[in-house]
Amino acid sequence: MEFSQSKKFEPSLVYSTLTMKNTVFIFLTALLFCSCQKTFLDGAGNITAPQAIAASNLIDVSYGTDPLQKMDVYLPAGRGMTTKLMIMIHGGAWSTGDKNDLTVYVDTMKKRLPDYAIININYRLALTTTTTFPTQENDVKAAIDYIYSKKDEYKISDKFVLLGVSAGSHLALLEAYKNNSPVKVKAVVDFFGPTDLAAMYNDPASPFAPPSSIAQLFNGATPPTNPTAYSQSSPITFATAQAVPTIILHGGTDRLVKVSQATMLRDKLVSFNIVNQYVFYPTEGHGWTGASLTDSFNKIQAFLAQYVQ
């Protein structure tokens, strides 16, 4: 029986084949690793472990040229393009107040809403004839425009929520209902805000809320002399079928903003089947602390969890 001659055994050929297989395996492993997670390269081009995004606080960021057009930006650790945003707007009858008034609540919101970034804004106050309304409305819009332009840099989503206090609530509601560009906010939190300025002028809550304080906002104009200004500056005018989910919180002994300002808004939202929640504290005034404030935060947290997805 004859056997055919075997091929000659060549160690160099085997070594080359194994080397090629190892190279392919290493390449595929690296490719799989890179496709499954974010990777970073060091100065030598070596793959390093992914780095967590750190928290960042940016204080007095300018969104305009005026010294009052500033905001504080609080960005959470580990944020990404699903991170929501709460914008806080202080009160003060449109002519006083400062973002620092709400700074005390930033840490509370951070703990309760860890998946949110928080921005606390200032706006120009109605102290002179050159800063009467709609200066304040325009500043809130300018701040939101600026924030939206920075959302990729800040690594946040376009899911914006507005929270206002008193005059800040008026501005938050007006922005939420009146504008939808560059972004339509997802929800608004109203702490005892004015909603119908003509009604507020004609039927003040008490001597502590004289009509002249509202007229000052419009450079002395009254509802009869400038009905358009009062209508266009009232959130209730824009509470239509396009309004956003709204939580309204009001005290029964408020001597600056009547309870009717809250109930009128609630009733109009209900008429358009807009998601809303009205929270009434019978013994509280124009602001509260303690158990009532804790309850407010609980309700806000639950409301946003349900309606801002």
C-alpha atoms as a PDB file:
ATOM      1  CA  MET A   1       0.000   0.000   0.000  1.00  0.00           C
ATOM      2  CA  GLU A   2       1.310   3.367  -0.937  1.00  0.00           C
ATOM      3  CA  PHE A   3       0.775   6.450   1.069  1.00  0.00           C
ATOM      4  CA  SER A   4       0.719   9.972  -0.387  1.00  0.00           C
ATOM      5  CA  GLN A   5       3.454  12.225   0.850  1.00  0.00           C
ATOM      6  CA  SER A   6       2.471  14.530   3.735  1.00  0.00           C
ATOM      7  CA  LYS A   7       2.962  18.257   3.596  1.00  0.00           C
ATOM      8  CA  LYS A   8       6.068  19.368   5.310  1.00  0.00           C
ATOM      9  CA  PHE A   9       5.512  20.699   8.864  1.00  0.00           C
ATOM     10  CA  GLU A  10       6.518  24.397   8.984  1.00  0.00           C
ATOM     11  CA  PRO A  11       6.612  25.988  12.456  1.00  0.00           C
ATOM     12  CA  SER A  12       6.749  29.505  11.001  1.00  0.00           C
ATOM     13  CA  LEU A  13       3.420  28.977   9.210  1.00  0.00           C
ATOM     14  CA  VAL A  14       1.703  27.809  12.403  1.00  0.00           C
ATOM     15  CA  TYR A  15       3.098  30.732  14.356  1.00  0.00           C
ATOM     16  CA  SER A  16       1.863  33.222  11.742  1.00  0.00           C
ATOM     17  CA  THR A  17      -1.609  31.668  11.731  1.00  0.00           C
ATOM     18  CA  LEU A  18      -1.862  31.782  15.522  1.00  0.00           C
ATOM     19  CA  THR A  19      -0.636  35.364  15.600  1.00  0.00           C
ATOM     20  CA  MET A  20      -3.244  36.388  13.068  1.00  0.00           C
ATOM     21  CA  LYS A  21      -6.017  34.659  15.056  1.00  0.00           C
ATOM     22  CA  ASN A  22      -4.887  36.349  18.255  1.00  0.00           C
ATOM     23  CA  THR A  23      -4.805  39.730  16.527  1.00  0.00           C
ATOM     24  CA  VAL A  24      -8.329  39.253  15.182  1.00  0.00           C
ATOM     25  CA  PHE A  25      -9.562  38.143  18.628  1.00  0.00           C
ATOM     26  CA  ILE A  26      -8.015  41.167  20.340  1.00  0.00           C
ATOM     27  CA  PHE A  27      -9.466  43.504  17.715  1.00  0.00           C
ATOM     28  CA  LEU A  28     -12.971  42.050  18.031  1.00  0.00           C
ATOM     29  CA  THR A  29     -12.786  42.166  21.831  1.00  0.00           C
ATOM     30  CA  ALA A  30     -11.773  45.817  21.770  1.00  0.00           C
ATOM     31  CA  LEU A  31     -14.503  46.593  19.246  1.00  0.00           C
ATOM     32  CA  LEU A  32     -17.110  44.904  21.452  1.00  0.00           C
ATOM     33  CA  PHE A  33     -15.838  46.765  24.516  1.00  0.00           C
ATOM     34  CA  CYS A  34     -16.043  50.111  22.735  1.00  0.00           C
ATOM     35  CA  SER A  35     -19.540  49.451  21.403  1.00  0.00           C
ATOM     36  CA  CYS A  36     -20.931  48.534  24.824  1.00  0.00           C
ATOM     37  CA  GLN A  37     -19.811  51.535  26.845  1.00  0.00           C
ATOM     38  CA  LYS A  38     -18.310  54.967  26.619  1.00  0.00           C
ATOM     39  CA  THR A  39     -14.516  54.803  26.626  1.00  0.00           C
ATOM     40  CA  PHE A  40     -11.762  57.323  26.955  1.00  0.00           C
ATOM     41  CA  LEU A  41      -8.183  57.359  25.693  1.00  0.00           C
ATOM     42  CA  ASP A  42      -5.175  58.444  27.698  1.00  0.00           C
ATOM     43  CA  GLY A  43      -2.260  60.405  26.219  1.00  0.00           C
ATOM     44  CA  ALA A  44      -0.730  57.203  24.811  1.00  0.00           C
ATOM     45  CA  GLY A  45      -3.933  56.182  23.077  1.00  0.00           C
ATOM     46  CA  ASN A  46      -4.779  53.442  25.570  1.00  0.00           C
ATOM     47  CA  ILE A  47      -8.385  52.730  26.539  1.00  0.00           C
ATOM     48  CA  THR A  48      -9.147  53.840  30.110  1.00  0.00           C
ATOM     49  CA  ALA A  49     -12.155  53.296  32.361  1.00  0.00           C
ATOM     50  CA  PRO A  50     -15.211  55.513  31.732  1.00  0.00           C
ATOM     51  CA  GLN A  51     -15.378  58.582  33.966  1.00  0.00           C
ATOM     52  CA  ALA A  52     -18.589  59.654  35.778  1.00  0.00           C
ATOM     53  CA  ILE A  53     -19.876  63.150  35.061  1.00  0.00           C
ATOM     54  CA  ALA A  54     -19.365  65.219  38.184  1.00  0.00           C
ATOM     55  CA  ALA A  55     -21.861  67.623  39.688  1.00  0.00           C
ATOM     56  CA  SER A  56     -21.317  71.257  38.774  1.00  0.00           C
ATOM     57  CA  ASN A  57     -22.558  74.531  40.284  1.00  0.00           C
ATOM     58  CA  LEU A  58     -22.284  77.647  38.139  1.00  0.00           C
ATOM     59  CA  ILE A  59     -23.148  80.828  40.030  1.00  0.00           C
ATOM     60  CA  ASP A  60     -24.185  84.157  38.470  1.00  0.00           C
ATOM     61  CA  VAL A  61     -24.177  82.966  34.880  1.00  0.00           C
ATOM     62  CA  SER A  62     -25.191  85.849  32.591  1.00  0.00           C
ATOM     63  CA  TYR A  63     -28.022  85.338  30.130  1.00  0.00           C
ATOM     64  CA  GLY A  64     -28.073  89.015  29.132  1.00  0.00           C
ATOM     65  CA  THR A  65     -26.093  92.227  29.490  1.00  0.00           C
ATOM     66  CA  ASP A  66     -27.906  93.705  32.507  1.00  0.00           C
ATOM     67  CA  PRO A  67     -26.428  92.933  35.961  1.00  0.00           C
ATOM     68  CA  LEU A  68     -29.768  91.430  37.024  1.00  0.00           C
ATOM     69  CA  GLN A  69     -29.888  89.046  34.081  1.00  0.00           C
ATOM     70  CA  LYS A  70     -28.085  86.331  36.011  1.00  0.00           C
ATOM     71  CA  MET A  71     -28.832  82.778  37.071  1.00  0.00           C
ATOM     72  CA  ASP A  72     -27.392  80.031  39.245  1.00  0.00           C
ATOM     73  CA  VAL A  73     -27.029  76.636  37.567  1.00  0.00           C
ATOM     74  CA  TYR A  74     -26.962  73.390  39.578  1.00  0.00           C
ATOM     75  CA  LEU A  75     -26.120  70.348  37.463  1.00  0.00           C
ATOM     76  CA  PRO A  76     -26.328  66.896  39.100  1.00  0.00           C
ATOM     77  CA  ALA A  77     -23.680  64.205  38.927  1.00  0.00           C
ATOM     78  CA  GLY A  78     -24.220  61.488  36.348  1.00  0.00           C
ATOM     79  CA  ARG A  79     -26.524  63.669  34.261  1.00  0.00           C
ATOM     80  CA  GLY A  80     -27.312  62.967  30.650  1.00  0.00           C
ATOM     81  CA  MET A  81     -29.744  63.760  27.898  1.00  0.00           C
ATOM     82  CA  THR A  82     -32.659  62.421  29.973  1.00  0.00           C
ATOM     83  CA  THR A  83     -31.976  64.787  32.892  1.00  0.00           C
ATOM     84  CA  LYS A  84     -34.942  67.110  33.466  1.00  0.00           C
ATOM     85  CA  LEU A  85     -34.697  70.751  34.490  1.00  0.00           C
ATOM     86  CA  MET A  86     -36.516  72.869  37.082  1.00  0.00           C
ATOM     87  CA  ILE A  87     -36.288  76.648  36.645  1.00  0.00           C
ATOM     88  CA  MET A  88     -37.065  78.623  39.823  1.00  0.00           C
ATOM     89  CA  ILE A  89     -38.415  82.217  39.669  1.00  0.00           C
ATOM     90  CA  HIS A  90     -38.473  84.409  42.772  1.00  0.00           C
ATOM     91  CA  GLY A  91     -41.269  86.735  43.860  1.00  0.00           C
ATOM     92  CA  GLY A  92     -41.360  90.279  45.228  1.00  0.00           C
ATOM     93  CA  ALA A  93     -44.236  92.148  43.528  1.00  0.00           C
ATOM     94  CA  TRP A  94     -42.098  92.349  40.355  1.00  0.00           C
ATOM     95  CA  SER A  95     -40.111  95.201  41.949  1.00  0.00           C
ATOM     96  CA  THR A  96     -38.143  93.535  44.764  1.00  0.00           C
ATOM     97  CA  GLY A  97     -36.702  90.117  45.571  1.00  0.00           C
ATOM     98  CA  ASP A  98     -33.734  88.132  44.373  1.00  0.00           C
ATOM     99  CA  LYS A  99     -32.850  84.599  43.346  1.00  0.00           C
ATOM    100  CA  ASN A 100     -31.114  84.220  46.703  1.00  0.00           C
ATOM    101  CA  ASP A 101     -34.586  84.151  48.261  1.00  0.00           C
ATOM    102  CA  LEU A 102     -35.033  80.661  46.784  1.00  0.00           C
ATOM    103  CA  THR A 103     -31.473  79.361  47.205  1.00  0.00           C
ATOM    104  CA  VAL A 104     -32.447  77.870  50.564  1.00  0.00           C
ATOM    105  CA  TYR A 105     -34.755  75.450  48.722  1.00  0.00           C
ATOM    106  CA  VAL A 106     -32.219  74.277  46.126  1.00  0.00           C
ATOM    107  CA  ASP A 107     -30.816  71.498  48.312  1.00  0.00           C
ATOM    108  CA  THR A 108     -34.348  70.344  49.134  1.00  0.00           C
ATOM    109  CA  MET A 109     -35.173  70.051  45.461  1.00  0.00           C
ATOM    110  CA  LYS A 110     -31.872  68.311  44.730  1.00  0.00           C
ATOM    111  CA  LYS A 111     -32.699  65.608  47.275  1.00  0.00           C
ATOM    112  CA  ARG A 112     -36.314  65.218  46.213  1.00  0.00           C
ATOM    113  CA  LEU A 113     -35.682  65.419  42.468  1.00  0.00           C
ATOM    114  CA  PRO A 114     -32.255  63.835  41.903  1.00  0.00           C
ATOM    115  CA  ASP A 115     -32.987  63.385  38.198  1.00  0.00           C
ATOM    116  CA  TYR A 116     -33.376  67.162  37.751  1.00  0.00           C
ATOM    117  CA  ALA A 117     -30.940  69.973  37.152  1.00  0.00           C
ATOM    118  CA  ILE A 118     -32.008  73.205  38.871  1.00  0.00           C
ATOM    119  CA  ILE A 119     -31.611  76.773  37.650  1.00  0.00           C
ATOM    120  CA  ASN A 120     -32.522  79.750  39.836  1.00  0.00           C
ATOM    121  CA  ILE A 121     -32.950  82.994  37.875  1.00  0.00           C
ATOM    122  CA  ASN A 122     -33.002  86.726  38.459  1.00  0.00           C
ATOM    123  CA  TYR A 123     -34.778  89.217  36.222  1.00  0.00           C
ATOM    124  CA  ARG A 124     -34.882  92.993  35.883  1.00  0.00           C
ATOM    125  CA  LEU A 125     -37.193  94.611  38.408  1.00  0.00           C
ATOM    126  CA  ALA A 126     -39.959  97.124  37.660  1.00  0.00           C
ATOM    127  CA  LEU A 127     -38.250 100.045  39.358  1.00  0.00           C
ATOM    128  CA  THR A 128     -38.048 102.581  36.543  1.00  0.00           C
ATOM    129  CA  THR A 129     -40.070 103.537  33.480  1.00  0.00           C
ATOM    130  CA  THR A 130     -37.585 101.604  31.341  1.00  0.00           C
ATOM    131  CA  THR A 131     -38.115  98.315  33.187  1.00  0.00           C
ATOM    132  CA  THR A 132     -41.886  98.192  33.483  1.00  0.00           C
ATOM    133  CA  PHE A 133     -43.794  95.198  32.173  1.00  0.00           C
ATOM    134  CA  PRO A 134     -43.184  93.240  29.921  1.00  0.00           C
ATOM    135  CA  THR A 135     -39.493  93.521  30.867  1.00  0.00           C
ATOM    136  CA  GLN A 136     -39.896  90.750  33.444  1.00  0.00           C
ATOM    137  CA  GLU A 137     -41.758  88.482  31.021  1.00  0.00           C
ATOM    138  CA  ASN A 138     -39.114  89.092  28.367  1.00  0.00           C
ATOM    139  CA  ASP A 139     -36.316  88.272  30.806  1.00  0.00           C
ATOM    140  CA  VAL A 140     -37.842  84.903  31.716  1.00  0.00           C
ATOM    141  CA  LYS A 141     -38.161  84.127  28.008  1.00  0.00           C
ATOM    142  CA  ALA A 142     -34.552  85.227  27.397  1.00  0.00           C
ATOM    143  CA  ALA A 143     -33.312  83.035  30.242  1.00  0.00           C
ATOM    144  CA  ILE A 144     -35.135  80.012  28.842  1.00  0.00           C
ATOM    145  CA  ASP A 145     -33.800  80.706  25.351  1.00  0.00           C
ATOM    146  CA  TYR A 146     -30.272  80.845  26.757  1.00  0.00           C
ATOM    147  CA  ILE A 147     -30.692  77.675  28.810  1.00  0.00           C
ATOM    148  CA  TYR A 148     -32.076  75.826  25.797  1.00  0.00           C
ATOM    149  CA  SER A 149     -29.064  76.898  23.720  1.00  0.00           C
ATOM    150  CA  LYS A 150     -26.824  75.410  26.429  1.00  0.00           C
ATOM    151  CA  LYS A 151     -28.689  72.138  27.032  1.00  0.00           C
ATOM    152  CA  ASP A 152     -26.166  70.018  25.135  1.00  0.00           C
ATOM    153  CA  GLU A 153     -23.268  71.675  26.940  1.00  0.00           C
ATOM    154  CA  TYR A 154     -25.037  71.269  30.290  1.00  0.00           C
ATOM    155  CA  LYS A 155     -25.980  67.691  29.319  1.00  0.00           C
ATOM    156  CA  ILE A 156     -29.677  68.040  30.097  1.00  0.00           C
ATOM    157  CA  SER A 157     -32.892  67.273  28.228  1.00  0.00           C
ATOM    158  CA  ASP A 158     -35.538  69.663  26.919  1.00  0.00           C
ATOM    159  CA  LYS A 159     -37.982  68.628  29.657  1.00  0.00           C
ATOM    160  CA  PHE A 160     -38.279  71.972  31.440  1.00  0.00           C
ATOM    161  CA  VAL A 161     -40.446  72.611  34.512  1.00  0.00           C
ATOM    162  CA  LEU A 162     -41.112  76.094  35.918  1.00  0.00           C
ATOM    163  CA  LEU A 163     -41.591  76.833  39.629  1.00  0.00           C
ATOM    164  CA  GLY A 164     -42.529  80.318  40.738  1.00  0.00           C
ATOM    165  CA  VAL A 165     -43.367  82.082  43.986  1.00  0.00           C
ATOM    166  CA  SER A 166     -45.896  84.968  44.050  1.00  0.00           C
ATOM    167  CA  ALA A 167     -44.890  87.361  41.241  1.00  0.00           C
ATOM    168  CA  GLY A 168     -42.476  84.648  40.109  1.00  0.00           C
ATOM    169  CA  SER A 169     -45.443  82.283  39.786  1.00  0.00           C
ATOM    170  CA  HIS A 170     -47.224  84.849  37.632  1.00  0.00           C
ATOM    171  CA  LEU A 171     -44.166  84.918  35.351  1.00  0.00           C
ATOM    172  CA  ALA A 172     -43.854  81.123  35.362  1.00  0.00           C
ATOM    173  CA  LEU A 173     -47.517  80.645  34.422  1.00  0.00           C
ATOM    174  CA  LEU A 174     -47.331  83.308  31.727  1.00  0.00           C
ATOM    175  CA  GLU A 175     -44.266  81.708  30.137  1.00  0.00           C
ATOM    176  CA  ALA A 176     -45.678  78.192  30.408  1.00  0.00           C
ATOM    177  CA  TYR A 177     -49.019  79.065  28.804  1.00  0.00           C
ATOM    178  CA  LYS A 178     -48.000  81.785  26.364  1.00  0.00           C
ATOM    179  CA  ASN A 179     -44.823  80.455  24.717  1.00  0.00           C
ATOM    180  CA  ASN A 180     -43.832  77.175  23.134  1.00  0.00           C
ATOM    181  CA  SER A 181     -40.576  78.148  21.432  1.00  0.00           C
ATOM    182  CA  PRO A 182     -37.759  77.169  21.622  1.00  0.00           C
ATOM    183  CA  VAL A 183     -39.291  74.669  24.029  1.00  0.00           C
ATOM    184  CA  LYS A 184     -42.733  74.023  25.485  1.00  0.00           C
ATOM    185  CA  VAL A 185     -42.385  73.504  29.219  1.00  0.00           C
ATOM    186  CA  LYS A 186     -43.756  70.230  30.589  1.00  0.00           C
ATOM    187  CA  ALA A 187     -45.356  71.510  33.808  1.00  0.00           C
ATOM    188  CA  VAL A 188     -45.609  74.556  36.070  1.00  0.00           C
ATOM    189  CA  VAL A 189     -45.676  74.921  39.858  1.00  0.00           C
ATOM    190  CA  ASP A 190     -47.660  77.937  41.098  1.00  0.00           C
ATOM    191  CA  PHE A 191     -47.108  79.141  44.671  1.00  0.00           C
ATOM    192  CA  PHE A 192     -49.869  81.765  45.239  1.00  0.00           C
ATOM    193  CA  GLY A 193     -49.326  83.611  41.980  1.00  0.00           C
ATOM    194  CA  PRO A 194     -51.507  86.352  40.461  1.00  0.00           C
ATOM    195  CA  THR A 195     -53.392  85.007  37.458  1.00  0.00           C
ATOM    196  CA  ASP A 196     -55.794  87.829  36.426  1.00  0.00           C
ATOM    197  CA  LEU A 197     -54.221  91.264  36.916  1.00  0.00           C
ATOM    198  CA  ALA A 198     -57.348  93.242  36.038  1.00  0.00           C
ATOM    199  CA  ALA A 199     -59.346  91.330  38.660  1.00  0.00           C
ATOM    200  CA  MET A 200     -56.512  91.805  41.138  1.00  0.00           C
ATOM    201  CA  TYR A 201     -56.561  95.559  40.485  1.00  0.00           C
ATOM    202  CA  ASN A 202     -60.340  95.835  40.779  1.00  0.00           C
ATOM    203  CA  ASP A 203     -60.673  93.509  43.785  1.00  0.00           C
ATOM    204  CA  PRO A 204     -57.509  93.647  45.912  1.00  0.00           C
ATOM    205  CA  ALA A 205     -56.962  91.120  48.672  1.00  0.00           C
ATOM    206  CA  SER A 206     -56.514  93.765  51.378  1.00  0.00           C
ATOM    207  CA  PRO A 207     -55.074  97.243  52.019  1.00  0.00           C
ATOM    208  CA  PHE A 208     -51.693  95.515  51.892  1.00  0.00           C
ATOM    209  CA  ALA A 209     -52.208  94.945  48.162  1.00  0.00           C
ATOM    210  CA  PRO A 210     -53.230  98.377  46.797  1.00  0.00           C
ATOM    211  CA  PRO A 211     -54.135  98.657  43.106  1.00  0.00           C
ATOM    212  CA  SER A 212     -51.375 101.249  42.685  1.00  0.00           C
ATOM    213  CA  SER A 213     -48.745  98.527  43.094  1.00  0.00           C
ATOM    214  CA  ILE A 214     -50.106  96.794  40.005  1.00  0.00           C
ATOM    215  CA  ALA A 215     -50.551 100.021  38.055  1.00  0.00           C
ATOM    216  CA  GLN A 216     -46.872 100.767  38.706  1.00  0.00           C
ATOM    217  CA  LEU A 217     -46.027  97.612  36.813  1.00  0.00           C
ATOM    218  CA  PHE A 218     -47.609  99.175  33.716  1.00  0.00           C
ATOM    219  CA  ASN A 219     -46.186 102.669  34.153  1.00  0.00           C
ATOM    220  CA  GLY A 220     -49.341 103.952  35.813  1.00  0.00           C
ATOM    221  CA  ALA A 221     -51.847 102.380  33.432  1.00  0.00           C
ATOM    222  CA  THR A 222     -55.120 100.993  34.806  1.00  0.00           C
ATOM    223  CA  PRO A 223     -57.439  98.340  33.351  1.00  0.00           C
ATOM    224  CA  PRO A 224     -59.707 100.983  31.738  1.00  0.00           C
ATOM    225  CA  THR A 225     -56.800 102.966  30.264  1.00  0.00           C
ATOM    226  CA  ASN A 226     -54.853  99.970  28.964  1.00  0.00           C
ATOM    227  CA  PRO A 227     -56.999  96.822  28.959  1.00  0.00           C
ATOM    228  CA  THR A 228     -54.670  95.115  26.462  1.00  0.00           C
ATOM    229  CA  ALA A 229     -51.692  95.340  28.803  1.00  0.00           C
ATOM    230  CA  TYR A 230     -53.678  93.745  31.625  1.00  0.00           C
ATOM    231  CA  SER A 231     -55.084  91.014  29.397  1.00  0.00           C
ATOM    232  CA  GLN A 232     -51.789  90.138  27.711  1.00  0.00           C
ATOM    233  CA  SER A 233     -49.985  89.985  31.047  1.00  0.00           C
ATOM    234  CA  SER A 234     -52.542  87.705  32.739  1.00  0.00           C
ATOM    235  CA  PRO A 235     -51.845  83.949  32.670  1.00  0.00           C
ATOM    236  CA  ILE A 236     -55.576  83.205  32.764  1.00  0.00           C
ATOM    237  CA  THR A 237     -55.872  84.722  29.271  1.00  0.00           C
ATOM    238  CA  PHE A 238     -53.611  81.958  27.952  1.00  0.00           C
ATOM    239  CA  ALA A 239     -55.024  79.096  30.034  1.00  0.00           C
ATOM    240  CA  THR A 240     -56.421  77.308  27.002  1.00  0.00           C
ATOM    241  CA  ALA A 241     -56.595  73.763  25.687  1.00  0.00           C
ATOM    242  CA  GLN A 242     -52.847  74.039  24.998  1.00  0.00           C
ATOM    243  CA  ALA A 243     -51.929  74.773  28.637  1.00  0.00           C
ATOM    244  CA  VAL A 244     -49.565  72.431  30.490  1.00  0.00           C
ATOM    245  CA  PRO A 245     -50.066  70.413  33.701  1.00  0.00           C
ATOM    246  CA  THR A 246     -50.254  72.830  36.618  1.00  0.00           C
ATOM    247  CA  ILE A 247     -50.125  72.448  40.383  1.00  0.00           C
ATOM    248  CA  ILE A 248     -51.567  75.439  42.273  1.00  0.00           C
ATOM    249  CA  LEU A 249     -50.798  76.032  45.966  1.00  0.00           C
ATOM    250  CA  HIS A 250     -52.549  78.792  47.922  1.00  0.00           C
ATOM    251  CA  GLY A 251     -53.179  79.922  51.491  1.00  0.00           C
ATOM    252  CA  GLY A 252     -56.597  80.826  52.833  1.00  0.00           C
ATOM    253  CA  THR A 253     -55.410  83.901  54.735  1.00  0.00           C
ATOM    254  CA  ASP A 254     -53.295  85.412  51.956  1.00  0.00           C
ATOM    255  CA  ARG A 255     -53.516  89.221  52.243  1.00  0.00           C
ATOM    256  CA  LEU A 256     -51.664  89.950  48.995  1.00  0.00           C
ATOM    257  CA  VAL A 257     -53.162  87.568  46.430  1.00  0.00           C
ATOM    258  CA  LYS A 258     -56.787  86.543  46.882  1.00  0.00           C
ATOM    259  CA  VAL A 259     -57.707  82.874  46.839  1.00  0.00           C
ATOM    260  CA  SER A 260     -59.991  83.653  43.907  1.00  0.00           C
ATOM    261  CA  GLN A 261     -56.875  84.179  41.759  1.00  0.00           C
ATOM    262  CA  ALA A 262     -56.092  80.486  42.283  1.00  0.00           C
ATOM    263  CA  THR A 263     -59.627  79.152  41.960  1.00  0.00           C
ATOM    264  CA  MET A 264     -60.307  81.123  38.758  1.00  0.00           C
ATOM    265  CA  LEU A 265     -57.254  79.533  37.171  1.00  0.00           C
ATOM    266  CA  ARG A 266     -58.197  76.086  38.460  1.00  0.00           C
ATOM    267  CA  ASP A 267     -61.731  76.393  37.065  1.00  0.00           C
ATOM    268  CA  LYS A 268     -60.517  77.513  33.653  1.00  0.00           C
ATOM    269  CA  LEU A 269     -58.009  74.658  33.439  1.00  0.00           C
ATOM    270  CA  VAL A 270     -60.751  72.221  34.396  1.00  0.00           C
ATOM    271  CA  SER A 271     -62.991  73.637  31.648  1.00  0.00           C
ATOM    272  CA  PHE A 272     -60.311  72.716  29.105  1.00  0.00           C
ATOM    273  CA  ASN A 273     -59.570  69.324  30.694  1.00  0.00           C
ATOM    274  CA  ILE A 274     -56.017  70.403  31.508  1.00  0.00           C
ATOM    275  CA  VAL A 275     -54.286  68.299  34.157  1.00  0.00           C
ATOM    276  CA  ASN A 276     -54.145  70.326  37.353  1.00  0.00           C
ATOM    277  CA  GLN A 277     -54.042  69.995  41.129  1.00  0.00           C
ATOM    278  CA  TYR A 278     -55.293  72.647  43.530  1.00  0.00           C
ATOM    279  CA  VAL A 279     -53.796  72.503  47.030  1.00  0.00           C
ATOM    280  CA  PHE A 280     -55.470  74.770  49.599  1.00  0.00           C
ATOM    281  CA  TYR A 281     -54.079  75.542  53.055  1.00  0.00           C
ATOM    282  CA  PRO A 282     -56.919  77.261  54.978  1.00  0.00           C
ATOM    283  CA  THR A 283     -54.805  78.795  57.736  1.00  0.00           C
ATOM    284  CA  GLU A 284     -51.738  79.779  55.713  1.00  0.00           C
ATOM    285  CA  GLY A 285     -50.984  83.228  54.303  1.00  0.00           C
ATOM    286  CA  HIS A 286     -48.710  84.482  51.550  1.00  0.00           C
ATOM    287  CA  GLY A 287     -46.116  81.776  52.121  1.00  0.00           C
ATOM    288  CA  TRP A 288     -45.663  79.120  54.775  1.00  0.00           C
ATOM    289  CA  THR A 289     -43.144  76.904  56.530  1.00  0.00           C
ATOM    290  CA  GLY A 290     -43.107  73.742  58.637  1.00  0.00           C
ATOM    291  CA  ALA A 291     -45.524  70.888  57.997  1.00  0.00           C
ATOM    292  CA  SER A 292     -47.443  72.792  55.315  1.00  0.00           C
ATOM    293  CA  LEU A 293     -44.280  73.431  53.301  1.00  0.00           C
ATOM    294  CA  THR A 294     -43.239  69.778  53.652  1.00  0.00           C
ATOM    295  CA  ASP A 295     -46.678  68.790  52.397  1.00  0.00           C
ATOM    296  CA  SER A 296     -46.287  71.184  49.465  1.00  0.00           C
ATOM    297  CA  PHE A 297     -42.962  69.623  48.500  1.00  0.00           C
ATOM    298  CA  ASN A 298     -44.475  66.134  48.811  1.00  0.00           C
ATOM    299  CA  LYS A 299     -47.310  67.066  46.472  1.00  0.00           C
ATOM    300  CA  ILE A 300     -45.016  68.793  43.970  1.00  0.00           C
ATOM    301  CA  GLN A 301     -42.709  65.774  43.911  1.00  0.00           C
ATOM    302  CA  ALA A 302     -45.617  63.377  43.297  1.00  0.00           C
ATOM    303  CA  PHE A 303     -47.183  65.655  40.655  1.00  0.00           C
ATOM    304  CA  LEU A 304     -43.990  65.961  38.634  1.00  0.00           C
ATOM    305  CA  ALA A 305     -43.262  62.239  38.918  1.00  0.00           C
ATOM    306  CA  GLN A 306     -46.665  61.518  37.389  1.00  0.00           C
ATOM    307  CA  TYR A 307     -46.856  64.168  34.675  1.00  0.00           C
ATOM    308  CA  VAL A 308     -43.257  64.833  33.589  1.00  0.00           C
ATOM    309  CA  GLN A 309     -41.949  61.653  32.032  1.00  0.00           C
END
